[in-house]
Amino acid sequence: MTCFEINGQLLLMDAGVLFPDEYHPGVDLILPALDYLSDRLDDVVALVLTHGHEDHIGAVPYLLRRRNDIPVFGSKLTLALVDAKLKEHRIRNTDLRLVAEGDRVKVDEYDLEFLSVNHSIPDALAVAVRTTAGMVLNTGDFKMDQLPLDGR
């Protein structure tokens, strides 16, 4: 999970889980530490998801259980996977917002532009985050592929 902050507004990028190694027997998932956000949940303006792998979406239910009205931006496949997780966790009344390659969305202090990236899961997006302080390109994960499935 990445957290951007400008003028007191928090933008979260991805909310995944880690899978334990052999040194953590009996542990199923490792969740991100949400301590920093606990007292600042009202300052979160959005959660942006780059793709649907567990290390990027696995902790979404645990975050939305604390505050279910955070707008969640993602591609069609990513949001479908998140929606299934939310149903499994019985979390309702969420704000899932579909975005696609080329979309540009303004969320308070943040101007977000969504770019297609090649990855081992379809519908992956990079996000250009523009603010008054500058621009950051978050690629999520990407894969260099000589023969991409979509031909690009």
C-alpha atoms as a PDB file:
ATOM      1  CA  MET A   1       0.000   0.000   0.000  1.00  0.00           C
ATOM      2  CA  THR A   2       1.265   3.429  -0.931  1.00  0.00           C
ATOM      3  CA  CYS A   3      -0.095   6.579   0.693  1.00  0.00           C
ATOM      4  CA  PHE A   4       0.176  10.011  -0.909  1.00  0.00           C
ATOM      5  CA  GLU A   5      -0.595  13.074   1.187  1.00  0.00           C
ATOM      6  CA  ILE A   6      -1.093  16.632   0.056  1.00  0.00           C
ATOM      7  CA  ASN A   7      -2.835  19.387   1.991  1.00  0.00           C
ATOM      8  CA  GLY A   8      -4.077  16.857   4.535  1.00  0.00           C
ATOM      9  CA  GLN A   9      -5.762  14.626   1.938  1.00  0.00           C
ATOM     10  CA  LEU A  10      -4.685  10.999   1.637  1.00  0.00           C
ATOM     11  CA  LEU A  11      -4.733   9.008  -1.595  1.00  0.00           C
ATOM     12  CA  LEU A  12      -4.098   5.278  -1.232  1.00  0.00           C
ATOM     13  CA  MET A  13      -2.627   3.218  -4.041  1.00  0.00           C
ATOM     14  CA  ASP A  14      -3.256  -0.541  -3.863  1.00  0.00           C
ATOM     15  CA  ALA A  15      -4.077  -2.450  -0.688  1.00  0.00           C
ATOM     16  CA  GLY A  16      -2.593  -5.903  -0.843  1.00  0.00           C
ATOM     17  CA  VAL A  17      -1.544  -8.749   1.369  1.00  0.00           C
ATOM     18  CA  LEU A  18       1.693 -10.681   1.575  1.00  0.00           C
ATOM     19  CA  PHE A  19       1.948 -14.427   1.742  1.00  0.00           C
ATOM     20  CA  PRO A  20       4.103 -15.813   4.542  1.00  0.00           C
ATOM     21  CA  ASP A  21       7.298 -17.725   3.963  1.00  0.00           C
ATOM     22  CA  GLU A  22       8.528 -20.846   5.722  1.00  0.00           C
ATOM     23  CA  TYR A  23       9.519 -18.762   8.763  1.00  0.00           C
ATOM     24  CA  HIS A  24       5.862 -17.985   9.546  1.00  0.00           C
ATOM     25  CA  PRO A  25       4.180 -21.369  10.042  1.00  0.00           C
ATOM     26  CA  GLY A  26       0.446 -21.158  10.675  1.00  0.00           C
ATOM     27  CA  VAL A  27       0.166 -17.628   9.261  1.00  0.00           C
ATOM     28  CA  ASP A  28      -2.189 -17.402   6.283  1.00  0.00           C
ATOM     29  CA  LEU A  29      -1.862 -13.734   5.307  1.00  0.00           C
ATOM     30  CA  ILE A  30       0.209 -10.733   6.288  1.00  0.00           C
ATOM     31  CA  LEU A  31      -1.897  -7.563   6.248  1.00  0.00           C
ATOM     32  CA  PRO A  32      -0.521  -4.050   5.860  1.00  0.00           C
ATOM     33  CA  ALA A  33      -0.232  -2.076   9.087  1.00  0.00           C
ATOM     34  CA  LEU A  34      -3.184   0.293   8.991  1.00  0.00           C
ATOM     35  CA  ASP A  35      -2.150   2.063  12.214  1.00  0.00           C
ATOM     36  CA  TYR A  36      -1.189   5.285  10.430  1.00  0.00           C
ATOM     37  CA  LEU A  37      -4.610   5.414   8.802  1.00  0.00           C
ATOM     38  CA  SER A  38      -6.634   4.542  11.903  1.00  0.00           C
ATOM     39  CA  ASP A  39      -6.930   8.135  13.100  1.00  0.00           C
ATOM     40  CA  ARG A  40      -6.991   9.560   9.574  1.00  0.00           C
ATOM     41  CA  LEU A  41      -9.612   7.494   7.773  1.00  0.00           C
ATOM     42  CA  ASP A  42     -11.744  10.591   7.234  1.00  0.00           C
ATOM     43  CA  ASP A  43      -8.821  12.146   5.323  1.00  0.00           C
ATOM     44  CA  VAL A  44      -8.716   9.316   2.747  1.00  0.00           C
ATOM     45  CA  VAL A  45     -10.163  10.655  -0.510  1.00  0.00           C
ATOM     46  CA  ALA A  46      -9.757   7.481  -2.606  1.00  0.00           C
ATOM     47  CA  LEU A  47      -8.173   4.084  -3.033  1.00  0.00           C
ATOM     48  CA  VAL A  48      -6.754   3.432  -6.505  1.00  0.00           C
ATOM     49  CA  LEU A  49      -6.054  -0.149  -7.596  1.00  0.00           C
ATOM     50  CA  THR A  50      -3.556  -0.942 -10.348  1.00  0.00           C
ATOM     51  CA  HIS A  51      -4.528  -4.586 -10.921  1.00  0.00           C
ATOM     52  CA  GLY A  52      -6.224  -7.605  -9.422  1.00  0.00           C
ATOM     53  CA  HIS A  53      -3.419  -9.639  -7.880  1.00  0.00           C
ATOM     54  CA  GLU A  54      -3.725 -10.431  -4.170  1.00  0.00           C
ATOM     55  CA  ASP A  55      -0.642  -8.413  -3.286  1.00  0.00           C
ATOM     56  CA  HIS A  56      -2.526  -5.369  -4.610  1.00  0.00           C
ATOM     57  CA  ILE A  57      -6.180  -6.010  -3.618  1.00  0.00           C
ATOM     58  CA  GLY A  58      -6.103  -8.611  -0.829  1.00  0.00           C
ATOM     59  CA  ALA A  59      -6.383  -6.079   2.011  1.00  0.00           C
ATOM     60  CA  VAL A  60      -9.218  -4.031   0.466  1.00  0.00           C
ATOM     61  CA  PRO A  61     -11.916  -5.708   2.616  1.00  0.00           C
ATOM     62  CA  TYR A  62      -9.924  -5.024   5.789  1.00  0.00           C
ATOM     63  CA  LEU A  63      -9.643  -1.344   4.879  1.00  0.00           C
ATOM     64  CA  LEU A  64     -13.275  -0.951   3.801  1.00  0.00           C
ATOM     65  CA  ARG A  65     -14.468  -2.702   6.945  1.00  0.00           C
ATOM     66  CA  ARG A  66     -13.115   0.367   8.781  1.00  0.00           C
ATOM     67  CA  ARG A  67     -14.700   2.847   6.364  1.00  0.00           C
ATOM     68  CA  ASN A  68     -16.847   1.464   3.548  1.00  0.00           C
ATOM     69  CA  ASP A  69     -17.521   4.711   1.663  1.00  0.00           C
ATOM     70  CA  ILE A  70     -13.963   5.283   0.425  1.00  0.00           C
ATOM     71  CA  PRO A  71     -14.168   5.608  -3.387  1.00  0.00           C
ATOM     72  CA  VAL A  72     -12.284   2.678  -4.957  1.00  0.00           C
ATOM     73  CA  PHE A  73     -11.039   3.176  -8.526  1.00  0.00           C
ATOM     74  CA  GLY A  74     -10.038   0.251 -10.729  1.00  0.00           C
ATOM     75  CA  SER A  75     -10.425  -1.506 -14.053  1.00  0.00           C
ATOM     76  CA  LYS A  76     -13.347  -3.801 -14.865  1.00  0.00           C
ATOM     77  CA  LEU A  77     -11.568  -7.046 -13.970  1.00  0.00           C
ATOM     78  CA  THR A  78      -9.927  -5.584 -10.872  1.00  0.00           C
ATOM     79  CA  LEU A  79     -13.232  -4.273  -9.510  1.00  0.00           C
ATOM     80  CA  ALA A  80     -14.956  -7.595 -10.268  1.00  0.00           C
ATOM     81  CA  LEU A  81     -12.335  -9.390  -8.183  1.00  0.00           C
ATOM     82  CA  VAL A  82     -12.680  -6.804  -5.401  1.00  0.00           C
ATOM     83  CA  ASP A  83     -16.470  -7.067  -5.489  1.00  0.00           C
ATOM     84  CA  ALA A  84     -16.235 -10.846  -4.988  1.00  0.00           C
ATOM     85  CA  LYS A  85     -13.920 -10.311  -2.008  1.00  0.00           C
ATOM     86  CA  LEU A  86     -16.275  -7.759  -0.481  1.00  0.00           C
ATOM     87  CA  LYS A  87     -19.203 -10.164  -0.808  1.00  0.00           C
ATOM     88  CA  GLU A  88     -17.148 -12.912   0.806  1.00  0.00           C
ATOM     89  CA  HIS A  89     -16.430 -10.553   3.730  1.00  0.00           C
ATOM     90  CA  ARG A  90     -20.064  -9.335   3.774  1.00  0.00           C
ATOM     91  CA  ILE A  91     -19.098  -5.713   3.211  1.00  0.00           C
ATOM     92  CA  ARG A  92     -21.869  -3.722   1.536  1.00  0.00           C
ATOM     93  CA  ASN A  93     -22.619  -0.201   0.353  1.00  0.00           C
ATOM     94  CA  THR A  94     -19.190   0.403  -1.115  1.00  0.00           C
ATOM     95  CA  ASP A  95     -18.250   2.965  -3.760  1.00  0.00           C
ATOM     96  CA  LEU A  96     -16.546   1.093  -6.617  1.00  0.00           C
ATOM     97  CA  ARG A  97     -15.712   3.336  -9.592  1.00  0.00           C
ATOM     98  CA  LEU A  98     -14.785   1.909 -12.968  1.00  0.00           C
ATOM     99  CA  VAL A  99     -11.886   3.460 -14.890  1.00  0.00           C
ATOM    100  CA  ALA A 100     -10.162   2.433 -18.102  1.00  0.00           C
ATOM    101  CA  GLU A 101      -7.034   3.228 -20.064  1.00  0.00           C
ATOM    102  CA  GLY A 102      -7.000   6.899 -21.036  1.00  0.00           C
ATOM    103  CA  ASP A 103      -9.428   8.032 -18.339  1.00  0.00           C
ATOM    104  CA  ARG A 104      -8.567  11.104 -16.339  1.00  0.00           C
ATOM    105  CA  VAL A 105     -10.236  11.656 -12.971  1.00  0.00           C
ATOM    106  CA  LYS A 106      -9.985  14.554 -10.526  1.00  0.00           C
ATOM    107  CA  VAL A 107     -10.251  13.525  -6.864  1.00  0.00           C
ATOM    108  CA  ASP A 108      -9.935  16.587  -4.635  1.00  0.00           C
ATOM    109  CA  GLU A 109      -6.230  17.602  -4.759  1.00  0.00           C
ATOM    110  CA  TYR A 110      -5.303  14.718  -7.078  1.00  0.00           C
ATOM    111  CA  ASP A 111      -5.516  14.515 -10.867  1.00  0.00           C
ATOM    112  CA  LEU A 112      -5.322  10.844 -11.886  1.00  0.00           C
ATOM    113  CA  GLU A 113      -4.579   9.548 -15.380  1.00  0.00           C
ATOM    114  CA  PHE A 114      -4.897   5.822 -16.088  1.00  0.00           C
ATOM    115  CA  LEU A 115      -2.489   4.138 -18.511  1.00  0.00           C
ATOM    116  CA  SER A 116      -2.493   0.569 -19.784  1.00  0.00           C
ATOM    117  CA  VAL A 117       0.431  -1.655 -18.791  1.00  0.00           C
ATOM    118  CA  ASN A 118       1.271  -5.206 -19.755  1.00  0.00           C
ATOM    119  CA  HIS A 119       1.238  -7.692 -16.883  1.00  0.00           C
ATOM    120  CA  SER A 120       0.472 -11.334 -16.167  1.00  0.00           C
ATOM    121  CA  ILE A 121      -3.133 -10.373 -15.348  1.00  0.00           C
ATOM    122  CA  PRO A 122      -5.371  -8.557 -17.849  1.00  0.00           C
ATOM    123  CA  ASP A 123      -6.690  -5.045 -17.302  1.00  0.00           C
ATOM    124  CA  ALA A 124      -3.631  -3.758 -15.406  1.00  0.00           C
ATOM    125  CA  LEU A 125      -3.213   0.005 -15.158  1.00  0.00           C
ATOM    126  CA  ALA A 126      -0.469   2.447 -14.284  1.00  0.00           C
ATOM    127  CA  VAL A 127      -1.545   5.719 -12.710  1.00  0.00           C
ATOM    128  CA  ALA A 128      -0.065   9.166 -13.231  1.00  0.00           C
ATOM    129  CA  VAL A 129      -0.794  11.105 -10.039  1.00  0.00           C
ATOM    130  CA  ARG A 130      -0.584  14.860 -10.572  1.00  0.00           C
ATOM    131  CA  THR A 131      -0.702  17.374  -7.727  1.00  0.00           C
ATOM    132  CA  THR A 132       0.424  20.926  -7.107  1.00  0.00           C
ATOM    133  CA  ALA A 133       3.643  19.405  -5.705  1.00  0.00           C
ATOM    134  CA  GLY A 134       4.444  17.496  -8.901  1.00  0.00           C
ATOM    135  CA  MET A 135       3.709  14.233 -10.681  1.00  0.00           C
ATOM    136  CA  VAL A 136       4.360  10.609  -9.724  1.00  0.00           C
ATOM    137  CA  LEU A 137       3.912   7.653 -12.056  1.00  0.00           C
ATOM    138  CA  ASN A 138       2.883   4.511 -10.192  1.00  0.00           C
ATOM    139  CA  THR A 139       3.192   1.529 -12.524  1.00  0.00           C
ATOM    140  CA  GLY A 140       1.871  -1.062 -10.088  1.00  0.00           C
ATOM    141  CA  ASP A 141       3.561  -4.097 -11.617  1.00  0.00           C
ATOM    142  CA  PHE A 142       4.353  -4.523 -15.277  1.00  0.00           C
ATOM    143  CA  LYS A 143       5.850  -7.153 -17.510  1.00  0.00           C
ATOM    144  CA  MET A 144       8.055  -6.760 -20.554  1.00  0.00           C
ATOM    145  CA  ASP A 145       6.618  -9.210 -23.071  1.00  0.00           C
ATOM    146  CA  GLN A 146       7.811  -9.908 -26.605  1.00  0.00           C
ATOM    147  CA  LEU A 147       4.371 -11.305 -27.529  1.00  0.00           C
ATOM    148  CA  PRO A 148       1.734  -9.531 -25.425  1.00  0.00           C
ATOM    149  CA  LEU A 149      -1.769 -10.984 -25.527  1.00  0.00           C
ATOM    150  CA  ASP A 150      -3.307  -7.719 -26.704  1.00  0.00           C
ATOM    151  CA  GLY A 151      -0.643  -7.191 -29.378  1.00  0.00           C
ATOM    152  CA  ARG A 152       0.644  -3.933 -27.848  1.00  0.00           C
END
